[in-house]
């Protein structure tokens, strides 16, 4: 079904924006996040947490936070100009601070690659890595795929280290198409000093190592329980003891270990 929906959207580009808007509205009305993994944030004990969204894209995580943690202060980073502009129009009125930059290891300007298929920019697949942007769209994912109609556009975007912003986050979500190790490198001071709860892509060894190197352990989350050493479906959770204290939830060890308080 997902493959068919994607295929129809690519044949009818005007459908995509409307679909994303309607999907966000429906999820908010139902009080559901777009990914079950993020429900773990309902266990936050801080009444007004600072939540940083790195790779905000179309704002699905922000919308989930507006439902799960309505008192949170939200800061969003999104380097793709079109998406940053959309977020500003839709979210800043609600108090979300939108920064139209990418985050990385150092101050620079870097290429951002955006696949374009049949003239439609696939902004949700934008990546600092050409291979990530160019390689996702295939006949396995799209009906009637025609490689001749796929091209990749390059934008040059501003990149800054997270440490430049002087933020003291309680939660950091990062999803940046395999650019997470560079984001961690540019946020070592922030992560070490404040030890926020971090949500990062599951099943990505380089990102996992980068976070472990700054003192984090990986957890999975499901059904009200965090599992130390586990892995999430879409997001995995990375925490230190200080991070874990920000949550009031049951924690267990992965199979083979004992239960933790």
Foldseek 3Di string as FASTA:
>chain_A
DQQAVVQVCLVPVVVVVVVVVVVLVVCLVVLHAPDPQVLLVLQFPDLAFEEEEAQCQQNRVVSNCCRSRVNYQYEYEAQDVVNLVNCCVVPVVVRYHYDNAHEFQAWDKAKKKWKAAQNHTPRSQIASDPCSRLPPDDCVRYPPDDSVRIDIDIDITTYHAPVVVPDQGQEYEHDGRLRQLRNLNSCLVNCLPRVHKYKYFWPRVSNQVSLVVSPWFKWGDDDQETETVDTYDGIIIIGDPNSPVSGDTFYQYDPPDGGDD
